[in-house]
């Protein structure tokens, strides 16, 4: 699952993979209680676009997809900062998360940048 997290204002804490996993577990626990907090979440890739925006690829069990997606979508604040988490893509295959067929130029066999 590829997700992007953005804060309205720059937070006073460092956005990295450990902090992002804590945010995910917090959102799962808030919405689904201890059962939600027990969902195994692995951060496979984490890329900070700015101080207030983070894009990440997370791995979760397929049968927990709806639970995680709902918890991430309904998260509105974290530590007093207004935030949003957008699920960009969900797939059972990591390869499809890494490459988008929409951005592939089949005539040139390259990725288009536009």
Protein backbone atom coordinates (compact mmCIF):
# COMPACT_ATOMS: atom_id res chain seq x y z
CA UNK A 1 0.00 0.00 0.00
CA UNK A 2 1.44 3.39 -0.99
CA UNK A 3 0.33 6.25 1.25
CA UNK A 4 1.11 9.95 1.56
CA UNK A 5 0.84 11.87 4.81
CA UNK A 6 0.71 15.65 4.87
CA UNK A 7 0.47 18.08 7.75
CA UNK A 8 -1.23 21.47 7.51
CA UNK A 9 1.64 23.10 9.41
CA UNK A 10 5.18 21.85 9.84
CA UNK A 11 5.21 19.51 12.89
CA UNK A 12 7.70 19.92 15.72
CA UNK A 13 8.79 16.29 15.44
CA UNK A 14 10.84 14.41 12.84
CA UNK A 15 8.87 12.51 10.21
CA UNK A 16 10.69 9.24 9.57
CA UNK A 17 9.73 5.58 9.23
CA UNK A 18 9.60 4.99 13.00
CA UNK A 19 7.39 8.02 13.61
CA UNK A 20 5.16 7.10 10.68
CA UNK A 21 4.68 3.56 12.00
CA UNK A 22 3.76 5.03 15.38
CA UNK A 23 1.18 7.24 13.64
CA UNK A 24 -0.30 4.23 11.83
CA UNK A 25 -0.51 2.17 15.03
CA UNK A 26 -2.05 5.16 16.83
CA UNK A 27 -4.72 5.55 14.15
CA UNK A 28 -5.49 1.81 14.21
CA UNK A 29 -5.78 1.85 18.00
CA UNK A 30 -7.98 4.95 17.97
CA UNK A 31 -10.48 3.46 15.54
CA UNK A 32 -10.30 -0.28 16.28
CA UNK A 33 -8.87 -0.48 19.82
CA UNK A 34 -6.33 -3.10 20.85
CA UNK A 35 -7.38 -5.39 17.98
CA UNK A 36 -6.42 -2.68 15.51
CA UNK A 37 -3.14 -1.94 17.27
CA UNK A 38 -2.21 -5.62 16.92
CA UNK A 39 -2.26 -5.48 13.10
CA UNK A 40 1.29 -6.11 11.83
CA UNK A 41 2.53 -3.12 9.82
CA UNK A 42 5.89 -3.01 8.04
CA UNK A 43 7.32 0.18 6.56
CA UNK A 44 9.15 -0.91 3.40
CA UNK A 45 10.05 2.50 2.01
CA UNK A 46 9.79 5.98 3.44
CA UNK A 47 10.53 9.17 1.52
CA UNK A 48 10.16 12.63 3.01
CA UNK A 49 9.20 15.13 0.31
CA UNK A 50 9.32 18.06 2.73
CA UNK A 51 9.23 18.66 6.48
CA UNK A 52 5.46 18.24 6.45
CA UNK A 53 4.92 15.57 3.74
CA UNK A 54 5.90 11.91 3.75
CA UNK A 55 5.30 9.18 1.15
CA UNK A 56 5.64 5.58 2.21
CA UNK A 57 5.08 2.01 1.08
CA UNK A 58 3.68 -0.13 3.85
CA UNK A 59 3.07 -3.87 3.99
CA UNK A 60 0.04 -5.24 5.79
CA UNK A 61 -1.81 -8.56 5.67
CA UNK A 62 -4.36 -8.57 2.84
CA UNK A 63 -7.26 -9.46 5.17
CA UNK A 64 -6.49 -6.33 7.26
CA UNK A 65 -6.61 -3.94 4.28
CA UNK A 66 -10.03 -2.43 5.02
CA UNK A 67 -9.20 -1.97 8.69
CA UNK A 68 -5.93 -0.15 7.97
CA UNK A 69 -7.37 1.90 5.09
CA UNK A 70 -10.28 3.13 7.23
CA UNK A 71 -8.04 4.01 10.16
CA UNK A 72 -5.64 5.97 7.96
CA UNK A 73 -8.43 7.79 6.12
CA UNK A 74 -10.20 8.85 9.31
CA UNK A 75 -7.08 10.19 11.04
CA UNK A 76 -7.44 13.97 11.17
CA UNK A 77 -4.98 15.09 13.81
CA UNK A 78 -1.81 13.76 15.37
CA UNK A 79 -0.22 15.37 18.45
CA UNK A 80 -2.35 18.47 17.92
CA UNK A 81 -1.35 18.90 14.27
CA UNK A 82 -3.97 18.70 11.52
CA UNK A 83 -2.98 16.02 9.03
CA UNK A 84 -4.29 13.90 6.19
CA UNK A 85 -3.26 10.46 4.99
CA UNK A 86 -4.12 9.62 1.40
CA UNK A 87 -3.97 6.04 0.15
CA UNK A 88 -2.54 6.40 -3.33
CA UNK A 89 -2.40 2.74 -4.31
CA UNK A 90 -3.11 -0.66 -2.83
CA UNK A 91 -1.95 -3.88 -4.42
CA UNK A 92 -1.01 -7.42 -3.41
CA UNK A 93 2.15 -7.07 -5.54
CA UNK A 94 5.07 -4.81 -4.67
CA UNK A 95 6.02 -4.50 -8.33
CA UNK A 96 2.77 -2.76 -9.20
CA UNK A 97 3.41 -0.22 -6.44
CA UNK A 98 6.84 0.56 -7.82
CA UNK A 99 5.74 1.13 -11.41
CA UNK A 100 2.63 2.79 -12.77
CA UNK A 101 1.33 1.69 -16.16
CA UNK A 102 -0.34 5.10 -16.46
CA UNK A 103 3.06 6.80 -16.49
CA UNK A 104 4.63 4.33 -18.95
CA UNK A 105 5.09 5.49 -22.52
CA UNK A 106 4.67 2.27 -24.51
CA UNK A 107 5.96 3.80 -27.76
CA UNK A 108 9.29 4.75 -26.16
CA UNK A 109 9.27 2.07 -23.47
CA UNK A 110 10.11 4.64 -20.82
CA UNK A 111 8.40 6.34 -17.93
CA UNK A 112 6.93 9.72 -18.81
CA UNK A 113 7.58 12.52 -16.36
CA UNK A 114 4.46 14.54 -17.09
